[in-house]
N, C-alpha and C. Protein backbone atom coordinates (compact mmCIF):
# COMPACT_ATOMS: atom_id res chain seq x y z
N UNK A 1 93.92 117.61 59.73
CA UNK A 1 94.16 118.85 59.27
C UNK A 1 94.18 119.93 60.46
N UNK A 2 95.51 120.56 60.31
CA UNK A 2 95.61 121.50 61.48
C UNK A 2 95.25 122.85 60.98
N UNK A 3 94.35 123.55 61.51
CA UNK A 3 93.86 124.99 60.89
C UNK A 3 94.73 126.04 61.39
N UNK A 4 95.11 126.01 62.63
CA UNK A 4 96.10 127.09 63.23
C UNK A 4 96.83 126.39 64.40
N UNK A 5 97.80 127.02 64.83
CA UNK A 5 98.74 126.66 66.01
C UNK A 5 97.80 126.89 67.37
N UNK A 6 98.26 126.14 68.22
CA UNK A 6 97.76 126.34 69.63
C UNK A 6 98.09 127.89 70.06
N UNK A 7 97.44 128.45 70.85
CA UNK A 7 97.96 129.75 71.25
C UNK A 7 99.25 129.48 72.22
N UNK A 8 100.15 130.61 72.27
CA UNK A 8 101.12 130.47 72.97
C UNK A 8 100.71 130.67 74.48
N UNK A 9 101.30 129.88 75.36
CA UNK A 9 101.11 130.00 76.83
C UNK A 9 101.80 131.10 77.45
N UNK A 10 101.16 132.14 78.04
CA UNK A 10 101.88 133.13 78.73
C UNK A 10 102.17 132.71 80.06
N UNK A 11 103.52 133.01 80.36
CA UNK A 11 103.77 132.57 81.78
C UNK A 11 103.28 133.69 82.54
N UNK A 12 102.56 133.50 83.61
CA UNK A 12 101.99 134.57 84.45
C UNK A 12 103.16 135.06 85.51
N UNK A 13 103.12 136.28 85.69
CA UNK A 13 104.11 136.99 86.40
C UNK A 13 104.01 136.46 87.86
N UNK A 14 105.15 136.27 88.51
CA UNK A 14 105.10 135.96 89.95
C UNK A 14 104.48 137.05 90.71
N UNK A 15 103.41 136.59 91.46
CA UNK A 15 102.88 137.71 92.43
C UNK A 15 103.77 138.00 93.48
N UNK A 16 104.08 139.30 93.77
CA UNK A 16 104.78 139.52 95.06
C UNK A 16 104.03 139.31 96.18
N UNK A 17 104.93 139.05 97.20
CA UNK A 17 104.28 138.70 98.50
C UNK A 17 104.86 137.26 99.01
N UNK A 18 104.20 136.69 99.92
CA UNK A 18 104.70 135.51 100.59
C UNK A 18 103.66 134.23 100.04
N UNK A 19 104.30 133.16 100.09
CA UNK A 19 103.65 131.91 99.51
C UNK A 19 103.87 130.77 100.65
N UNK A 20 103.04 129.78 100.47
CA UNK A 20 103.23 128.62 101.25
C UNK A 20 103.65 127.56 100.35
N UNK A 21 104.84 126.73 100.77
CA UNK A 21 105.59 125.66 99.86
C UNK A 21 105.34 124.53 100.96
N UNK A 22 104.53 123.54 100.69
CA UNK A 22 104.17 122.40 101.46
C UNK A 22 104.58 121.12 100.79
N UNK A 23 105.28 120.20 101.70
CA UNK A 23 105.57 118.83 101.27
C UNK A 23 105.04 117.81 102.35
N UNK A 24 104.64 116.74 101.97
CA UNK A 24 104.35 115.68 103.03
C UNK A 24 104.72 114.38 102.59
N UNK A 25 104.93 113.58 103.53
CA UNK A 25 105.48 112.05 103.09
C UNK A 25 105.07 111.18 104.12
N UNK A 26 105.12 109.83 103.82
CA UNK A 26 104.78 108.71 105.05
C UNK A 26 105.84 108.41 105.88
N UNK A 27 106.99 109.06 105.58
CA UNK A 27 108.10 108.96 106.57
C UNK A 27 109.08 109.97 106.45
N UNK A 28 109.98 110.24 107.49
CA UNK A 28 110.79 111.23 107.37
C UNK A 28 111.91 111.15 106.42
N UNK A 29 112.23 109.91 106.23
CA UNK A 29 113.36 109.65 105.05
C UNK A 29 112.89 109.82 103.60
N UNK A 30 111.63 109.43 103.24
CA UNK A 30 111.10 109.89 102.13
C UNK A 30 110.81 111.48 101.99
N UNK A 31 110.49 112.10 103.05
CA UNK A 31 110.17 113.48 103.00
C UNK A 31 111.60 114.24 102.59
N UNK A 32 112.73 113.84 103.11
CA UNK A 32 114.18 114.35 102.90
C UNK A 32 114.49 113.99 101.43
N UNK A 33 114.11 112.89 100.90
CA UNK A 33 114.48 112.59 99.57
C UNK A 33 113.42 113.58 98.74
N UNK A 34 112.08 113.86 98.96
CA UNK A 34 111.31 114.64 98.20
C UNK A 34 111.84 116.11 98.28
N UNK A 35 112.30 116.49 99.37
CA UNK A 35 112.98 117.91 99.58
C UNK A 35 114.40 117.91 98.62
N UNK A 36 115.01 117.01 98.50
CA UNK A 36 116.22 116.91 97.59
C UNK A 36 115.74 117.05 96.19
N UNK A 37 114.79 116.33 95.93
CA UNK A 37 114.17 116.35 94.45
C UNK A 37 113.86 117.56 94.25
N UNK A 38 113.00 118.29 94.89
CA UNK A 38 112.40 119.52 94.57
C UNK A 38 113.48 120.48 94.56
N UNK A 39 114.66 120.43 95.48
CA UNK A 39 115.79 121.31 95.46
C UNK A 39 116.55 121.32 94.09
N UNK A 40 116.68 120.01 93.55
CA UNK A 40 117.11 119.87 92.35
C UNK A 40 116.52 120.49 91.26
N UNK A 41 115.13 120.48 91.34
CA UNK A 41 114.22 121.13 90.34
C UNK A 41 114.56 122.51 90.31
N UNK A 42 114.62 123.35 91.61
CA UNK A 42 114.84 124.68 91.54
C UNK A 42 116.28 125.03 91.19
N UNK A 43 117.28 124.29 91.32
CA UNK A 43 118.59 124.53 90.84
C UNK A 43 118.71 124.41 89.47
N UNK A 44 117.97 123.46 88.85
CA UNK A 44 118.17 123.30 87.34
C UNK A 44 117.30 124.27 86.59
N UNK A 45 116.30 125.00 87.25
CA UNK A 45 115.48 125.79 86.72
C UNK A 45 115.28 127.02 87.68
N UNK A 46 116.26 127.95 87.52
CA UNK A 46 116.10 129.26 88.58
C UNK A 46 114.96 130.15 88.09
N UNK A 47 114.45 130.19 86.70
CA UNK A 47 113.33 131.04 86.51
C UNK A 47 112.11 130.48 86.78
N UNK A 48 111.90 129.40 87.51
CA UNK A 48 110.68 128.84 87.82
C UNK A 48 109.74 129.73 88.51
N UNK A 49 108.55 129.82 88.26
CA UNK A 49 107.65 130.69 88.90
C UNK A 49 106.99 130.26 90.42
N UNK A 50 107.38 131.03 91.36
CA UNK A 50 107.26 130.56 92.71
C UNK A 50 105.69 130.34 92.89
N UNK A 51 104.82 131.27 92.35
CA UNK A 51 103.34 131.00 92.51
C UNK A 51 102.85 129.77 92.05
N UNK A 52 103.42 129.48 90.96
CA UNK A 52 103.07 128.02 90.24
C UNK A 52 103.61 126.93 91.03
N UNK A 53 104.73 126.96 91.46
CA UNK A 53 105.41 125.90 91.98
C UNK A 53 104.63 125.53 93.50
N UNK A 54 104.24 126.67 94.22
CA UNK A 54 103.57 126.43 95.44
C UNK A 54 101.97 126.05 95.02
N UNK A 55 101.43 126.43 94.09
CA UNK A 55 100.19 126.10 93.72
C UNK A 55 100.15 124.57 93.22
N UNK A 56 101.17 123.95 92.51
CA UNK A 56 101.27 122.81 92.20
C UNK A 56 101.47 121.87 93.29
N UNK A 57 102.42 122.07 94.36
CA UNK A 57 102.68 121.27 95.39
C UNK A 57 101.62 121.16 96.27
N UNK A 58 100.88 122.22 96.53
CA UNK A 58 99.59 122.41 97.46
C UNK A 58 98.42 121.82 96.92
N UNK A 59 98.18 121.75 95.70
CA UNK A 59 96.79 121.31 95.05
C UNK A 59 97.04 120.06 94.35
N UNK A 60 98.24 119.57 94.06
CA UNK A 60 98.32 118.41 93.43
C UNK A 60 98.87 117.23 94.12
N UNK A 61 99.14 117.13 95.40
CA UNK A 61 99.52 116.15 96.15
C UNK A 61 98.56 115.82 97.28
N UNK A 62 98.69 114.77 97.89
CA UNK A 62 97.95 114.19 98.97
C UNK A 62 98.85 114.93 100.34
N UNK A 63 98.10 114.74 101.38
CA UNK A 63 98.86 115.21 102.69
C UNK A 63 98.95 113.92 103.53
N UNK A 64 100.09 113.69 104.06
CA UNK A 64 100.59 112.62 104.75
C UNK A 64 100.88 112.84 106.38
N UNK A 65 101.46 111.99 106.79
CA UNK A 65 101.67 112.12 108.38
C UNK A 65 102.92 113.09 108.75
N UNK A 66 103.97 113.14 107.85
CA UNK A 66 105.09 113.91 108.09
C UNK A 66 104.90 115.31 107.14
N UNK A 67 104.67 116.29 107.74
CA UNK A 67 104.36 117.59 106.93
C UNK A 67 105.36 118.77 107.05
N UNK A 68 105.66 119.37 106.15
CA UNK A 68 106.56 120.40 106.17
C UNK A 68 105.97 121.49 105.46
N UNK A 69 106.04 122.70 106.15
CA UNK A 69 105.35 123.91 105.54
C UNK A 69 106.50 125.02 105.54
N UNK A 70 106.60 125.76 104.49
CA UNK A 70 107.72 126.82 104.46
C UNK A 70 107.01 128.13 103.90
N UNK A 71 107.29 129.12 104.73
CA UNK A 71 106.76 130.41 104.08
C UNK A 71 107.93 131.05 103.44
N UNK A 72 107.73 131.55 102.28
CA UNK A 72 108.79 132.18 101.39
C UNK A 72 108.45 133.13 100.52
N UNK A 73 109.07 134.07 100.02
CA UNK A 73 108.97 135.22 99.26
C UNK A 73 109.58 135.26 98.05
N UNK A 74 110.50 134.30 97.81
CA UNK A 74 111.00 134.06 96.42
C UNK A 74 111.65 132.79 96.22
N UNK A 75 111.98 132.48 94.88
CA UNK A 75 112.76 131.30 94.79
C UNK A 75 113.97 131.00 95.47
N UNK A 76 114.75 132.04 95.42
CA UNK A 76 116.19 131.98 96.26
C UNK A 76 115.89 131.79 97.67
N UNK A 77 114.81 132.33 98.36
CA UNK A 77 114.49 132.27 99.75
C UNK A 77 114.28 130.70 99.88
N UNK A 78 113.41 130.14 99.08
CA UNK A 78 112.97 128.87 99.18
C UNK A 78 113.98 127.78 98.99
N UNK A 79 115.09 128.19 97.96
CA UNK A 79 116.20 127.29 97.80
C UNK A 79 117.15 127.45 99.06
N UNK A 80 117.38 128.39 99.76
CA UNK A 80 118.23 128.58 100.89
C UNK A 80 117.47 127.87 102.17
N UNK A 81 116.18 127.85 102.22
CA UNK A 81 115.55 127.10 103.32
C UNK A 81 115.53 125.59 103.05
N UNK A 82 115.39 125.25 101.73
CA UNK A 82 115.45 123.71 101.47
C UNK A 82 116.90 123.31 101.66
N UNK A 83 117.87 124.03 101.43
CA UNK A 83 119.34 123.62 101.64
C UNK A 83 119.58 123.54 103.08
N UNK A 84 119.09 124.50 103.90
CA UNK A 84 119.22 124.53 105.51
C UNK A 84 118.53 123.13 105.99
N UNK A 85 117.48 122.77 105.44
CA UNK A 85 116.78 121.52 106.06
C UNK A 85 117.69 120.46 105.80
N UNK A 86 118.15 120.30 104.62
CA UNK A 86 119.00 119.18 104.36
C UNK A 86 120.28 119.08 105.06
N UNK A 87 120.84 120.35 105.33
CA UNK A 87 122.08 120.30 106.19
C UNK A 87 121.92 120.10 107.65
N UNK A 88 120.84 120.30 108.25
CA UNK A 88 120.31 120.33 109.50
C UNK A 88 119.64 119.09 109.67
N UNK A 89 118.16 119.38 110.03
CA UNK A 89 117.31 118.17 110.22
C UNK A 89 115.96 118.74 110.04
N UNK A 90 115.10 117.76 109.92
CA UNK A 90 113.60 118.05 110.04
C UNK A 90 113.10 118.45 111.33
N UNK A 91 112.78 119.75 111.47
CA UNK A 91 112.16 120.45 112.65
C UNK A 91 111.70 121.74 112.35
N UNK A 92 110.99 122.41 113.30
CA UNK A 92 110.33 123.79 113.19
C UNK A 92 111.41 124.58 113.36
N UNK A 93 111.69 125.65 112.63
CA UNK A 93 112.61 126.79 112.78
C UNK A 93 111.75 128.03 112.59
N UNK A 94 110.97 128.38 113.62
CA UNK A 94 110.31 129.67 113.53
C UNK A 94 110.84 130.77 112.91
N UNK A 95 112.02 131.09 113.53
CA UNK A 95 112.68 132.38 112.86
C UNK A 95 113.00 132.33 111.49
N UNK A 96 113.03 131.16 110.91
CA UNK A 96 113.14 131.08 109.46
C UNK A 96 111.72 130.73 108.56
N UNK A 97 110.98 130.74 109.38
CA UNK A 97 109.46 130.41 108.90
C UNK A 97 109.37 128.91 108.10
N UNK A 98 110.10 128.08 108.87
CA UNK A 98 110.09 126.62 108.40
C UNK A 98 109.35 125.72 109.41
N UNK A 99 108.35 125.18 109.15
CA UNK A 99 107.43 124.37 110.16
C UNK A 99 107.42 122.93 109.84
N UNK A 100 107.70 122.03 110.72
CA UNK A 100 107.65 120.63 110.41
C UNK A 100 106.95 120.11 111.54
N UNK A 101 106.05 118.82 111.25
CA UNK A 101 105.49 118.10 112.31
C UNK A 101 105.20 116.80 111.69
N UNK A 102 105.24 115.88 112.67
CA UNK A 102 104.82 114.44 112.49
C UNK A 102 103.47 114.01 113.16
N UNK A 103 102.51 113.82 112.32
CA UNK A 103 101.28 113.60 112.81
C UNK A 103 101.34 111.96 113.37
N UNK A 104 101.19 111.83 114.43
CA UNK A 104 101.26 110.39 115.01
C UNK A 104 100.04 109.58 114.79
N UNK A 105 98.94 110.16 115.04
CA UNK A 105 97.69 109.36 115.03
C UNK A 105 96.65 109.90 113.99
N UNK A 106 95.95 108.97 113.53
CA UNK A 106 94.90 109.55 112.44
C UNK A 106 93.71 110.21 113.28
N UNK A 107 93.02 110.92 112.70
CA UNK A 107 91.89 111.52 113.35
C UNK A 107 90.51 110.82 113.02
N UNK A 108 89.93 110.18 113.88
CA UNK A 108 88.55 109.61 113.78
C UNK A 108 87.52 110.58 113.59
N UNK A 109 86.43 110.06 113.14
CA UNK A 109 85.18 110.92 112.92
C UNK A 109 84.93 111.49 114.32
N UNK A 110 85.03 110.81 115.59
CA UNK A 110 84.53 111.32 116.62
C UNK A 110 85.48 112.41 117.15
N UNK A 111 86.99 112.28 116.67
CA UNK A 111 87.78 113.26 116.99
C UNK A 111 87.45 114.68 116.26
N UNK A 112 87.03 114.44 115.16
CA UNK A 112 86.77 115.59 114.14
C UNK A 112 85.47 116.35 114.66
N UNK A 113 84.60 115.67 115.44
CA UNK A 113 83.42 116.47 116.08
C UNK A 113 83.86 116.88 117.35
N UNK A 114 85.02 116.92 117.84
CA UNK A 114 85.44 117.41 119.16
C UNK A 114 85.20 118.94 119.09
N UNK A 115 84.85 119.49 120.06
CA UNK A 115 84.56 121.07 120.05
C UNK A 115 85.72 121.86 119.95
N UNK A 116 86.82 121.69 120.65
CA UNK A 116 88.11 122.45 120.09
C UNK A 116 88.56 122.11 118.71
N UNK A 117 88.57 120.98 118.21
CA UNK A 117 89.15 120.75 116.93
C UNK A 117 88.01 121.45 115.81
N UNK A 118 86.75 121.40 115.97
CA UNK A 118 85.66 122.08 115.30
C UNK A 118 85.91 123.63 115.18
N UNK A 119 86.46 123.98 116.29
CA UNK A 119 86.67 125.54 116.41
C UNK A 119 87.76 125.84 115.42
N UNK A 120 88.76 124.98 115.49
CA UNK A 120 89.96 125.21 114.62
C UNK A 120 89.80 125.22 113.47
N UNK A 121 88.99 124.09 112.97
CA UNK A 121 88.65 123.96 111.59
C UNK A 121 87.67 125.05 111.05
N UNK A 122 86.76 125.53 111.78
CA UNK A 122 86.17 126.95 111.31
C UNK A 122 87.13 128.03 111.33
N UNK A 123 88.15 127.97 112.22
CA UNK A 123 89.20 129.12 112.23
C UNK A 123 89.87 129.23 110.75
N UNK A 124 90.31 127.89 110.50
CA UNK A 124 91.06 127.57 109.15
C UNK A 124 90.26 127.99 108.15
N UNK A 125 89.00 127.63 107.98
CA UNK A 125 88.21 128.07 106.94
C UNK A 125 88.00 129.61 106.95
N UNK A 126 87.62 130.24 107.97
CA UNK A 126 87.52 131.90 108.12
C UNK A 126 88.96 132.36 107.60
N UNK A 127 90.12 131.82 108.11
CA UNK A 127 91.43 132.50 107.69
C UNK A 127 91.66 132.31 106.09
N UNK A 128 91.31 131.14 105.54
CA UNK A 128 91.51 130.88 104.17
C UNK A 128 90.39 132.10 103.41
N UNK A 129 89.18 132.33 103.96
CA UNK A 129 88.35 133.26 103.11
C UNK A 129 88.74 134.47 103.34
N UNK A 130 89.42 135.11 104.63
CA UNK A 130 90.18 136.21 104.80
C UNK A 130 91.34 136.54 103.88
N UNK A 131 91.93 135.57 103.69
CA UNK A 131 93.16 135.48 102.86
C UNK A 131 92.89 135.78 101.45
N UNK A 132 91.84 135.03 100.96
CA UNK A 132 91.64 135.20 99.68
C UNK A 132 90.95 136.83 99.32
N UNK A 133 90.41 137.23 100.46
CA UNK A 133 90.00 138.72 100.26
C UNK A 133 91.21 139.83 100.32
N UNK A 134 92.33 139.25 101.07
CA UNK A 134 93.35 140.18 101.33
C UNK A 134 94.60 139.79 100.27
N UNK A 135 94.31 138.92 99.27
CA UNK A 135 95.31 138.63 98.48
C UNK A 135 95.78 139.87 97.60
N UNK A 136 94.63 140.80 97.18
CA UNK A 136 94.99 141.88 96.24
C UNK A 136 95.70 142.84 97.13
N UNK A 137 95.51 143.03 98.39
CA UNK A 137 96.09 143.91 99.18
C UNK A 137 97.53 143.66 99.77
N UNK A 138 97.91 142.33 99.55
CA UNK A 138 99.04 141.59 99.97
C UNK A 138 99.26 141.76 101.30
N UNK A 139 98.42 141.98 102.15
CA UNK A 139 98.43 142.07 103.54
C UNK A 139 98.19 140.55 104.25
N UNK A 140 98.81 139.50 103.71
CA UNK A 140 98.23 138.29 104.11
C UNK A 140 99.32 137.55 104.87
N UNK A 141 100.52 138.00 105.33
CA UNK A 141 101.56 137.45 105.92
C UNK A 141 101.09 136.57 107.33
N UNK A 142 100.29 137.22 107.96
CA UNK A 142 99.98 136.69 109.45
C UNK A 142 98.93 135.55 109.04
N UNK A 143 98.02 135.66 108.11
CA UNK A 143 97.15 134.62 107.69
C UNK A 143 97.83 133.59 107.08
N UNK A 144 98.93 133.61 106.19
CA UNK A 144 99.85 132.54 105.61
C UNK A 144 100.39 131.63 106.98
N UNK A 145 100.93 132.40 107.76
CA UNK A 145 101.54 131.91 109.11
C UNK A 145 100.56 130.89 109.70
N UNK A 146 99.49 131.40 110.02
CA UNK A 146 98.39 130.56 110.60
C UNK A 146 97.98 129.44 109.93
N UNK A 147 97.67 129.54 108.66
CA UNK A 147 97.32 128.44 107.66
C UNK A 147 98.56 127.53 107.76
N UNK A 148 99.66 127.76 107.69
CA UNK A 148 100.87 126.91 107.64
C UNK A 148 100.85 126.17 109.01
N UNK A 149 100.68 126.90 109.97
CA UNK A 149 100.78 126.16 111.35
C UNK A 149 99.63 125.13 111.45
N UNK A 150 98.55 125.53 111.15
CA UNK A 150 97.21 124.52 111.19
C UNK A 150 97.37 123.38 110.08
N UNK A 151 98.15 123.54 109.07
CA UNK A 151 98.38 122.46 108.12
C UNK A 151 99.17 121.56 108.83
N UNK A 152 100.39 121.85 109.30
CA UNK A 152 101.33 121.00 109.97
C UNK A 152 100.77 120.23 111.15
N UNK A 153 99.78 120.77 111.73
CA UNK A 153 98.96 120.22 112.78
C UNK A 153 97.99 119.01 112.34
N UNK A 154 97.82 118.85 111.13
CA UNK A 154 96.94 117.70 110.38
C UNK A 154 95.60 118.24 109.88
N UNK A 155 95.47 119.66 109.85
CA UNK A 155 94.12 120.09 109.34
C UNK A 155 94.35 119.93 107.74
N UNK A 156 93.21 119.86 107.01
CA UNK A 156 93.11 119.75 105.65
C UNK A 156 92.77 121.32 105.20
N UNK A 157 93.70 121.81 104.38
CA UNK A 157 93.41 123.19 103.84
C UNK A 157 92.62 122.89 102.47
N UNK A 158 91.87 123.60 102.21
CA UNK A 158 91.10 123.76 100.93
C UNK A 158 92.09 124.72 100.14
N UNK A 159 93.09 124.21 99.47
CA UNK A 159 93.90 124.93 98.63
C UNK A 159 93.35 125.81 97.48
N UNK A 160 92.28 124.94 96.86
CA UNK A 160 91.54 125.41 95.74
C UNK A 160 90.95 126.81 95.96
N UNK A 161 90.22 126.99 97.14
CA UNK A 161 89.66 128.10 97.55
C UNK A 161 90.75 129.15 97.79
N UNK A 162 91.91 128.69 98.35
CA UNK A 162 92.83 129.80 98.51
C UNK A 162 93.51 130.45 97.24
N UNK A 163 93.57 129.42 96.17
CA UNK A 163 94.46 129.81 94.73
C UNK A 163 93.20 130.60 94.00
N UNK A 164 92.09 130.23 94.03
CA UNK A 164 90.97 130.79 93.06
C UNK A 164 91.09 129.96 91.63
N UNK A 165 90.54 130.53 90.81
CA UNK A 165 90.44 129.84 89.30
C UNK A 165 91.39 130.53 88.29
N UNK A 166 92.09 129.61 87.74
CA UNK A 166 92.79 130.04 86.63
C UNK A 166 93.99 130.94 86.71
N UNK A 167 94.45 131.45 87.90
CA UNK A 167 95.37 132.20 88.19
C UNK A 167 96.75 131.78 87.94
N UNK A 168 96.98 130.38 88.26
CA UNK A 168 98.19 129.72 88.28
C UNK A 168 98.21 128.47 87.43
N UNK A 169 99.28 128.00 87.07
CA UNK A 169 99.41 126.89 86.01
C UNK A 169 100.03 125.66 86.99
N UNK A 170 99.70 124.38 86.61
CA UNK A 170 100.35 123.37 87.17
C UNK A 170 101.67 123.21 86.58
N UNK A 171 102.70 122.72 87.25
CA UNK A 171 104.03 122.31 86.72
C UNK A 171 104.34 120.89 86.87
N UNK A 172 105.25 120.63 86.01
CA UNK A 172 105.75 119.30 86.22
C UNK A 172 106.64 119.11 87.31
N UNK A 173 106.42 118.41 88.39
CA UNK A 173 107.26 118.13 89.42
C UNK A 173 107.77 116.69 89.82
N UNK A 174 108.87 116.64 90.48
CA UNK A 174 109.39 115.43 90.75
C UNK A 174 108.28 114.46 91.40
N UNK A 175 108.54 113.21 91.18
CA UNK A 175 107.56 112.02 91.62
C UNK A 175 107.89 111.75 92.89
N UNK A 176 106.94 111.08 93.51
CA UNK A 176 107.10 110.78 94.95
C UNK A 176 108.07 109.72 95.00
N UNK A 177 109.16 109.78 95.93
CA UNK A 177 109.98 108.73 96.03
C UNK A 177 109.80 107.62 97.11
N UNK A 178 109.31 106.54 96.61
CA UNK A 178 108.87 105.50 97.54
C UNK A 178 109.94 104.94 98.24
N UNK A 179 109.71 104.39 99.44
CA UNK A 179 110.86 103.75 100.15
C UNK A 179 111.25 102.35 99.31
N UNK A 180 112.33 101.96 99.38
CA UNK A 180 112.86 100.84 98.87
C UNK A 180 112.65 99.59 99.94
N UNK A 181 111.73 99.08 99.97
CA UNK A 181 111.31 97.92 100.88
C UNK A 181 110.81 96.68 100.34
N UNK A 182 111.35 95.74 100.63
CA UNK A 182 110.99 94.44 99.91
C UNK A 182 109.51 93.88 100.69
N UNK A 183 108.73 93.50 99.83
CA UNK A 183 107.22 93.11 100.47
C UNK A 183 106.91 91.73 99.81
N UNK A 184 108.10 90.90 99.79
CA UNK A 184 107.73 89.48 99.25
C UNK A 184 107.29 88.49 100.22
N UNK A 185 106.49 87.43 100.14
CA UNK A 185 106.18 86.68 101.04
C UNK A 185 107.38 85.45 101.10
N UNK A 186 107.90 85.19 102.16
CA UNK A 186 108.91 84.09 102.01
C UNK A 186 108.22 82.70 102.15
N UNK A 187 108.46 81.83 101.18
CA UNK A 187 107.83 80.56 101.37
C UNK A 187 108.99 79.54 101.65
N UNK A 188 108.71 78.84 102.55
CA UNK A 188 109.69 77.99 103.15
C UNK A 188 109.73 76.71 102.07
N UNK A 189 110.87 76.23 101.70
CA UNK A 189 111.06 75.22 100.84
C UNK A 189 110.93 73.81 101.55
N UNK A 190 110.74 72.81 100.82
CA UNK A 190 110.70 71.30 101.35
C UNK A 190 109.77 71.30 102.60
N UNK A 191 108.55 71.81 102.60
CA UNK A 191 107.79 71.77 103.77
C UNK A 191 106.64 70.66 103.49
N UNK A 192 106.51 70.22 102.10
CA UNK A 192 105.58 69.33 101.82
C UNK A 192 106.23 67.90 101.76
N UNK A 193 105.51 66.88 102.22
CA UNK A 193 106.01 65.62 102.10
C UNK A 193 105.16 64.71 101.28
N UNK A 194 105.75 63.98 100.42
CA UNK A 194 105.02 63.09 99.46
C UNK A 194 104.78 61.63 99.88
């Protein structure tokens, strides 16, 4: 028995200001495919909420060795930057606020305890806390830039702290495009004698 309909979901307004859009993959080829899939999503849904999109890609996915961070202030700006990356190549374009890095080595526990790395991790935490405080004032562009740069260097950003609770909704995004690579064991024939 249904007593009443579920309440209508109100689409939250896009908060003005800048956002970080991140993508990561295990290889550059897969990252390009992921960029293309997200670009197709934006093209097919021009009214998509930028805050919700950035929230979903940042909190709903793992971080891998090939990392892309884009600082953007609108869906059209993000679309242009994604198209630019596809036309050119994966690289950092600071003037357009596009940051890319391939992390070549994993970070061991000993390296995590490295004093310079610990200082940068503390700085990332401090910047995140400052940014949460500054979100209401919209004075967060330099902090977003710093968070983006630390993210592509391999630091783990606590996105949940950055976004707070309940302000954004998760969207349905394109799935991760795995590489098409055969992983079967070749078994030689006629190797057994009877």
